[in-house]
Amino acid sequence: MKNIYKETLAKVAEGARFSVNFEKRNLKVNGKYVIKEGKYEGELGVSPLPVVETLKDIERLYHRYRHSIPSERSDARRKTYFQAIAEHELSDDDMLYGERRDNAQIALELYVLCSILNGSLVWEDFAQGKWFWQSPNEKGLIILKQWINNNK
């Protein structure tokens, strides 16, 4: 892939299955590794940014994910790193204007993975001495130290 982030989002929008694993540094699309143990071909498609800007982007993507519209496919996912609002709790605006949950989920999870890989998320730069970071703006957004600092 030339631009992993952009091309993966397009494939998921077309119905591709995906799996992200922060600790192992993996991305699978339709059962094939695009990123395996932090190694990939092409460009990530997410430019390195200062940690403050990266966290703002993650908060924005989390908000979109949280208010996204679930489907049978997204509800059947075994593993999610972040919690979204249940369908019966979504507002009318969310139901009218929200995006599909699997699209919002891959946008968020892959952005976090790419930010880990490109060096934008260095634990000591934003949560030194803690085992998790909680967003001051999106209280449900929690990032665990073990996702960022994998001790291989």
C-alpha atoms as a PDB file:
ATOM      1  CA  MET A   1       0.000   0.000   0.000  1.00  0.00           C
ATOM      2  CA  LYS A   2       1.236   3.463  -0.787  1.00  0.00           C
ATOM      3  CA  ASN A   3      -0.840   5.173   1.929  1.00  0.00           C
ATOM      4  CA  ILE A   4      -1.833   2.592   4.541  1.00  0.00           C
ATOM      5  CA  TYR A   5      -4.232   4.830   6.483  1.00  0.00           C
ATOM      6  CA  LYS A   6      -6.148   6.179   3.500  1.00  0.00           C
ATOM      7  CA  GLU A   7      -6.283   2.896   1.582  1.00  0.00           C
ATOM      8  CA  THR A   8      -7.352   0.884   4.636  1.00  0.00           C
ATOM      9  CA  LEU A   9     -10.194   3.319   5.389  1.00  0.00           C
ATOM     10  CA  ALA A  10     -11.352   2.997   1.765  1.00  0.00           C
ATOM     11  CA  LYS A  11     -11.260  -0.813   1.902  1.00  0.00           C
ATOM     12  CA  VAL A  12     -13.225  -0.929   5.166  1.00  0.00           C
ATOM     13  CA  ALA A  13     -15.801   1.474   3.687  1.00  0.00           C
ATOM     14  CA  GLU A  14     -16.195  -1.058   0.859  1.00  0.00           C
ATOM     15  CA  GLY A  15     -16.814  -3.863   3.370  1.00  0.00           C
ATOM     16  CA  ALA A  16     -13.355  -5.240   4.180  1.00  0.00           C
ATOM     17  CA  ARG A  17     -12.834  -6.909   7.565  1.00  0.00           C
ATOM     18  CA  PHE A  18     -10.063  -5.547   9.772  1.00  0.00           C
ATOM     19  CA  SER A  19      -8.180  -6.208  12.958  1.00  0.00           C
ATOM     20  CA  VAL A  20      -5.860  -3.849  14.851  1.00  0.00           C
ATOM     21  CA  ASN A  21      -3.576  -4.951  17.685  1.00  0.00           C
ATOM     22  CA  PHE A  22      -1.703  -2.157  19.454  1.00  0.00           C
ATOM     23  CA  GLU A  23       0.496  -4.393  21.608  1.00  0.00           C
ATOM     24  CA  LYS A  24       1.688  -6.576  18.713  1.00  0.00           C
ATOM     25  CA  ARG A  25       1.770  -3.596  16.285  1.00  0.00           C
ATOM     26  CA  ASN A  26      -0.422  -5.405  13.747  1.00  0.00           C
ATOM     27  CA  LEU A  27      -3.046  -4.426  11.185  1.00  0.00           C
ATOM     28  CA  LYS A  28      -4.881  -7.080   9.221  1.00  0.00           C
ATOM     29  CA  VAL A  29      -7.260  -6.313   6.378  1.00  0.00           C
ATOM     30  CA  ASN A  30      -9.320  -9.208   5.030  1.00  0.00           C
ATOM     31  CA  GLY A  31      -7.076 -11.638   6.904  1.00  0.00           C
ATOM     32  CA  LYS A  32      -3.797 -10.338   5.412  1.00  0.00           C
ATOM     33  CA  TYR A  33      -1.180  -8.415   7.337  1.00  0.00           C
ATOM     34  CA  VAL A  34      -0.668  -4.842   6.200  1.00  0.00           C
ATOM     35  CA  ILE A  35       1.408  -4.062   9.299  1.00  0.00           C
ATOM     36  CA  LYS A  36       3.033  -6.980  11.113  1.00  0.00           C
ATOM     37  CA  GLU A  37       5.003  -6.467  14.312  1.00  0.00           C
ATOM     38  CA  GLY A  38       5.466  -2.816  13.377  1.00  0.00           C
ATOM     39  CA  LYS A  39       6.846  -3.559   9.910  1.00  0.00           C
ATOM     40  CA  TYR A  40       5.103  -2.393   6.743  1.00  0.00           C
ATOM     41  CA  GLU A  41       5.695  -1.433   3.143  1.00  0.00           C
ATOM     42  CA  GLY A  42       4.764   2.006   1.845  1.00  0.00           C
ATOM     43  CA  GLU A  43       3.797   5.035   3.917  1.00  0.00           C
ATOM     44  CA  LEU A  44       1.686   5.016   7.072  1.00  0.00           C
ATOM     45  CA  GLY A  45      -0.292   8.002   5.846  1.00  0.00           C
ATOM     46  CA  VAL A  46      -0.223   9.644   9.286  1.00  0.00           C
ATOM     47  CA  SER A  47       2.453  12.303   9.703  1.00  0.00           C
ATOM     48  CA  PRO A  48       4.341  12.576  12.984  1.00  0.00           C
ATOM     49  CA  LEU A  49       2.916  15.385  15.125  1.00  0.00           C
ATOM     50  CA  PRO A  50       3.657  16.774  18.588  1.00  0.00           C
ATOM     51  CA  VAL A  51       1.943  14.653  21.237  1.00  0.00           C
ATOM     52  CA  VAL A  52      -0.547  17.434  22.115  1.00  0.00           C
ATOM     53  CA  GLU A  53      -1.770  17.590  18.500  1.00  0.00           C
ATOM     54  CA  THR A  54      -1.866  13.792  18.236  1.00  0.00           C
ATOM     55  CA  LEU A  55      -4.025  13.535  21.374  1.00  0.00           C
ATOM     56  CA  LYS A  56      -6.398  16.217  20.004  1.00  0.00           C
ATOM     57  CA  ASP A  57      -6.779  14.209  16.790  1.00  0.00           C
ATOM     58  CA  ILE A  58      -7.421  11.033  18.804  1.00  0.00           C
ATOM     59  CA  GLU A  59     -10.077  12.861  20.859  1.00  0.00           C
ATOM     60  CA  ARG A  60     -11.785  14.057  17.679  1.00  0.00           C
ATOM     61  CA  LEU A  61     -11.748  10.560  16.159  1.00  0.00           C
ATOM     62  CA  TYR A  62     -12.965   9.053  19.442  1.00  0.00           C
ATOM     63  CA  HIS A  63     -15.908  11.473  19.526  1.00  0.00           C
ATOM     64  CA  ARG A  64     -16.848  10.412  15.976  1.00  0.00           C
ATOM     65  CA  TYR A  65     -16.546   6.748  16.939  1.00  0.00           C
ATOM     66  CA  ARG A  66     -18.511   7.163  20.158  1.00  0.00           C
ATOM     67  CA  HIS A  67     -21.430   8.719  18.267  1.00  0.00           C
ATOM     68  CA  SER A  68     -21.285   6.358  15.281  1.00  0.00           C
ATOM     69  CA  ILE A  69     -24.104   4.116  14.116  1.00  0.00           C
ATOM     70  CA  PRO A  70     -23.659   0.429  14.936  1.00  0.00           C
ATOM     71  CA  SER A  71     -24.408  -2.378  12.523  1.00  0.00           C
ATOM     72  CA  GLU A  72     -24.656  -6.145  12.936  1.00  0.00           C
ATOM     73  CA  ARG A  73     -21.088  -6.311  11.681  1.00  0.00           C
ATOM     74  CA  SER A  74     -19.724  -3.806  14.203  1.00  0.00           C
ATOM     75  CA  ASP A  75     -21.751  -5.347  17.057  1.00  0.00           C
ATOM     76  CA  ALA A  76     -20.294  -8.779  16.269  1.00  0.00           C
ATOM     77  CA  ARG A  77     -16.679  -7.618  16.727  1.00  0.00           C
ATOM     78  CA  ARG A  78     -14.944  -9.522  19.487  1.00  0.00           C
ATOM     79  CA  LYS A  79     -12.409  -6.899  20.449  1.00  0.00           C
ATOM     80  CA  THR A  80     -12.688  -3.150  20.600  1.00  0.00           C
ATOM     81  CA  TYR A  81     -10.286  -0.862  22.388  1.00  0.00           C
ATOM     82  CA  PHE A  82     -12.803   1.930  22.908  1.00  0.00           C
ATOM     83  CA  GLN A  83     -16.447   2.076  24.002  1.00  0.00           C
ATOM     84  CA  ALA A  84     -19.122   3.633  21.804  1.00  0.00           C
ATOM     85  CA  ILE A  85     -22.626   4.701  22.745  1.00  0.00           C
ATOM     86  CA  ALA A  86     -25.223   1.937  22.468  1.00  0.00           C
ATOM     87  CA  GLU A  87     -27.684   2.359  19.594  1.00  0.00           C
ATOM     88  CA  HIS A  88     -30.675   2.990  21.874  1.00  0.00           C
ATOM     89  CA  GLU A  89     -28.750   5.829  23.595  1.00  0.00           C
ATOM     90  CA  LEU A  90     -27.744   7.685  20.408  1.00  0.00           C
ATOM     91  CA  SER A  91     -29.392  11.026  19.719  1.00  0.00           C
ATOM     92  CA  ASP A  92     -31.545  11.695  16.671  1.00  0.00           C
ATOM     93  CA  ASP A  93     -28.683  13.747  15.184  1.00  0.00           C
ATOM     94  CA  ASP A  94     -26.296  10.841  15.710  1.00  0.00           C
ATOM     95  CA  MET A  95     -28.693   8.499  13.920  1.00  0.00           C
ATOM     96  CA  LEU A  96     -29.218  10.959  11.057  1.00  0.00           C
ATOM     97  CA  TYR A  97     -25.686  12.240  10.583  1.00  0.00           C
ATOM     98  CA  GLY A  98     -23.389   9.705  12.250  1.00  0.00           C
ATOM     99  CA  GLU A  99     -21.066   7.500  10.266  1.00  0.00           C
ATOM    100  CA  ARG A 100     -20.957   3.708  10.250  1.00  0.00           C
ATOM    101  CA  ARG A 101     -19.324   2.355  13.391  1.00  0.00           C
ATOM    102  CA  ASP A 102     -16.789   0.118  11.629  1.00  0.00           C
ATOM    103  CA  ASN A 103     -15.584   3.083   9.531  1.00  0.00           C
ATOM    104  CA  ALA A 104     -15.199   5.259  12.623  1.00  0.00           C
ATOM    105  CA  GLN A 105     -13.519   2.408  14.531  1.00  0.00           C
ATOM    106  CA  ILE A 106     -10.833   1.749  11.921  1.00  0.00           C
ATOM    107  CA  ALA A 107     -10.181   5.497  11.574  1.00  0.00           C
ATOM    108  CA  LEU A 108      -9.568   5.772  15.326  1.00  0.00           C
ATOM    109  CA  GLU A 109      -7.704   2.519  15.969  1.00  0.00           C
ATOM    110  CA  LEU A 110      -5.470   2.792  12.911  1.00  0.00           C
ATOM    111  CA  TYR A 111      -4.663   6.427  13.729  1.00  0.00           C
ATOM    112  CA  VAL A 112      -3.544   5.355  17.210  1.00  0.00           C
ATOM    113  CA  LEU A 113      -1.452   2.494  15.775  1.00  0.00           C
ATOM    114  CA  CYS A 114       0.159   4.756  13.168  1.00  0.00           C
ATOM    115  CA  SER A 115       0.876   7.377  15.863  1.00  0.00           C
ATOM    116  CA  ILE A 116       2.613   4.726  17.957  1.00  0.00           C
ATOM    117  CA  LEU A 117       4.675   3.592  14.977  1.00  0.00           C
ATOM    118  CA  ASN A 118       5.638   7.089  13.774  1.00  0.00           C
ATOM    119  CA  GLY A 119       6.774   8.169  17.253  1.00  0.00           C
ATOM    120  CA  SER A 120       3.993  10.676  17.943  1.00  0.00           C
ATOM    121  CA  LEU A 121       2.783   8.783  21.028  1.00  0.00           C
ATOM    122  CA  VAL A 122       5.647   8.408  23.480  1.00  0.00           C
ATOM    123  CA  TRP A 123       4.233   7.471  26.885  1.00  0.00           C
ATOM    124  CA  GLU A 124       6.689   9.544  28.900  1.00  0.00           C
ATOM    125  CA  ASP A 125       5.664  12.659  26.924  1.00  0.00           C
ATOM    126  CA  PHE A 126       2.034  12.636  28.079  1.00  0.00           C
ATOM    127  CA  ALA A 127       1.451  10.170  30.930  1.00  0.00           C
ATOM    128  CA  GLN A 128       4.743   9.569  32.715  1.00  0.00           C
ATOM    129  CA  GLY A 129       4.356   7.605  35.935  1.00  0.00           C
ATOM    130  CA  LYS A 130       0.823   6.415  35.111  1.00  0.00           C
ATOM    131  CA  TRP A 131      -0.486   3.108  33.765  1.00  0.00           C
ATOM    132  CA  PHE A 132      -3.267   4.781  31.773  1.00  0.00           C
ATOM    133  CA  TRP A 133      -4.141   8.173  30.313  1.00  0.00           C
ATOM    134  CA  GLN A 134      -7.676   9.556  30.398  1.00  0.00           C
ATOM    135  CA  SER A 135      -8.699  12.420  28.159  1.00  0.00           C
ATOM    136  CA  PRO A 136      -9.741  15.520  30.098  1.00  0.00           C
ATOM    137  CA  ASN A 137     -12.226  16.343  27.300  1.00  0.00           C
ATOM    138  CA  GLU A 138     -13.629  12.873  26.490  1.00  0.00           C
ATOM    139  CA  LYS A 139     -13.815  11.031  29.826  1.00  0.00           C
ATOM    140  CA  GLY A 140     -14.497   7.688  28.136  1.00  0.00           C
ATOM    141  CA  LEU A 141     -11.275   7.914  26.133  1.00  0.00           C
ATOM    142  CA  ILE A 142      -8.631   5.906  27.947  1.00  0.00           C
ATOM    143  CA  ILE A 143      -5.269   4.833  26.532  1.00  0.00           C
ATOM    144  CA  LEU A 144      -3.358   2.130  28.380  1.00  0.00           C
ATOM    145  CA  LYS A 145       0.394   2.199  28.860  1.00  0.00           C
ATOM    146  CA  GLN A 146       0.667  -1.428  27.678  1.00  0.00           C
ATOM    147  CA  TRP A 147      -0.708  -0.367  24.249  1.00  0.00           C
ATOM    148  CA  ILE A 148       2.090   2.172  23.774  1.00  0.00           C
ATOM    149  CA  ASN A 149       5.024   0.561  25.586  1.00  0.00           C
ATOM    150  CA  ASN A 150       5.173  -3.007  24.388  1.00  0.00           C
ATOM    151  CA  ASN A 151       8.004  -4.716  26.199  1.00  0.00           C
ATOM    152  CA  LYS A 152       9.264  -7.182  23.624  1.00  0.00           C
END
